Structures are given as C-alpha cells and as structure tokens.
Amino acid sequence: MGMPNKDEVKGKYEAAVGAVKEKVGHVIDDKEMERQGAAEHDAGDVRHQVGKIKRKVGEAIEDVGKFVRK
C-alpha cells in the first residue's frame, strides 16, 4: 500500500469533523447542525474513497510500466 494522497487525507479529516459536528448537534438538540455534520461526514467519506481509487489506479499504472520495461 502506498502513501495516502491529499484527497485521502482531506477526506478522512472532513469525515471526522463532520462526525463531531453531527454528535454535537445531537447532544445540544440542534437538528440543523446534526444534518450538516452528517452531510460533511458523508462528503468526507466519498472524498477519501475517491482518493483511494486514484492511488490504486496510479499504482496499477506503475506496475504496468515496470512490466513493460522488463
């Protein structure tokens, strides 16, 4: 597994911030904050997955390049 790219890292961060915001909204009974936090959490998860896909595609291209050079 290669190093995480910026989309993976930012996605994890955004998901964590969203999860905290969602929990705080629930605790203080602020439905709008809770919904916003859930949306940010989901968006962060998506960004993380997109980053993971980009990394895996890049690694596959590197592997093909190594194979072709042999």
Protein backbone atom coordinates (compact mmCIF):
# COMPACT_ATOMS: atom_id res chain seq x y z
CA MET A 1 0.00 0.00 0.00
CA GLY A 2 1.37 3.37 -1.00
CA MET A 3 1.29 6.64 0.84
CA PRO A 4 -2.17 8.23 1.10
CA ASN A 5 -2.72 11.13 -1.28
CA LYS A 6 -4.15 14.53 -0.33
CA ASP A 7 -7.74 13.50 -1.18
CA GLU A 8 -7.50 10.53 1.17
CA VAL A 9 -6.11 12.65 4.00
CA LYS A 10 -8.53 15.55 3.50
CA GLY A 11 -11.42 13.11 3.19
CA LYS A 12 -10.57 11.46 6.50
CA TYR A 13 -10.27 14.90 8.13
CA GLU A 14 -13.58 16.14 6.69
CA ALA A 15 -15.34 12.93 7.74
CA ALA A 16 -14.01 13.28 11.29
CA VAL A 17 -15.04 16.94 11.55
CA GLY A 18 -18.47 16.07 10.19
CA ALA A 19 -18.90 13.22 12.67
CA VAL A 20 -18.01 15.51 15.58
CA LYS A 21 -20.38 18.20 14.34
CA GLU A 22 -23.13 15.59 13.93
CA LYS A 23 -22.64 14.33 17.51
CA VAL A 24 -22.52 17.83 18.98
CA GLY A 25 -25.70 18.73 17.11
CA HIS A 26 -27.38 15.65 18.52
CA VAL A 27 -26.24 16.40 22.09
CA ILE A 28 -27.37 20.04 22.01
CA ASP A 29 -30.52 19.12 20.06
CA ASP A 30 -29.60 21.27 17.05
CA LYS A 31 -31.09 19.36 14.12
CA GLU A 32 -29.55 21.68 11.52
CA MET A 33 -26.04 21.16 12.90
CA GLU A 34 -26.69 17.43 13.09
CA ARG A 35 -27.79 17.31 9.43
CA GLN A 36 -24.87 19.48 8.32
CA GLY A 37 -22.44 17.27 10.21
CA ALA A 38 -23.90 14.13 8.65
CA ALA A 39 -23.58 15.66 5.18
CA GLU A 40 -19.96 16.69 5.82
CA HIS A 41 -19.18 13.23 7.19
CA ASP A 42 -20.61 11.59 4.07
CA ALA A 43 -18.79 14.01 1.75
CA GLY A 44 -15.53 13.30 3.57
CA ASP A 45 -16.06 9.56 3.18
CA VAL A 46 -16.66 9.99 -0.55
CA ARG A 47 -13.54 12.16 -0.96
CA HIS A 48 -11.48 9.57 0.91
CA GLN A 49 -12.74 6.77 -1.34
CA VAL A 50 -12.05 8.82 -4.49
CA GLY A 51 -8.51 9.43 -3.24
CA LYS A 52 -8.06 5.72 -2.56
CA ILE A 53 -9.23 4.88 -6.10
CA LYS A 54 -6.84 7.45 -7.60
CA ARG A 55 -3.94 5.95 -5.64
CA LYS A 56 -4.78 2.39 -6.66
CA VAL A 57 -5.08 3.38 -10.34
CA GLY A 58 -1.71 5.14 -10.13
CA GLU A 59 -0.13 2.09 -8.53
CA ALA A 60 -1.58 -0.16 -11.24
CA ILE A 61 -0.16 2.12 -13.96
CA GLU A 62 3.25 1.99 -12.27
CA ASP A 63 3.07 -1.81 -12.15
CA VAL A 64 2.22 -1.98 -15.87
CA GLY A 65 5.12 0.36 -16.63
CA LYS A 66 7.52 -1.86 -14.68
CA PHE A 67 6.24 -4.93 -16.52
CA VAL A 68 6.60 -3.27 -19.93
CA ARG A 69 10.21 -2.20 -19.21
CA LYS A 70 11.29 -5.80 -18.49
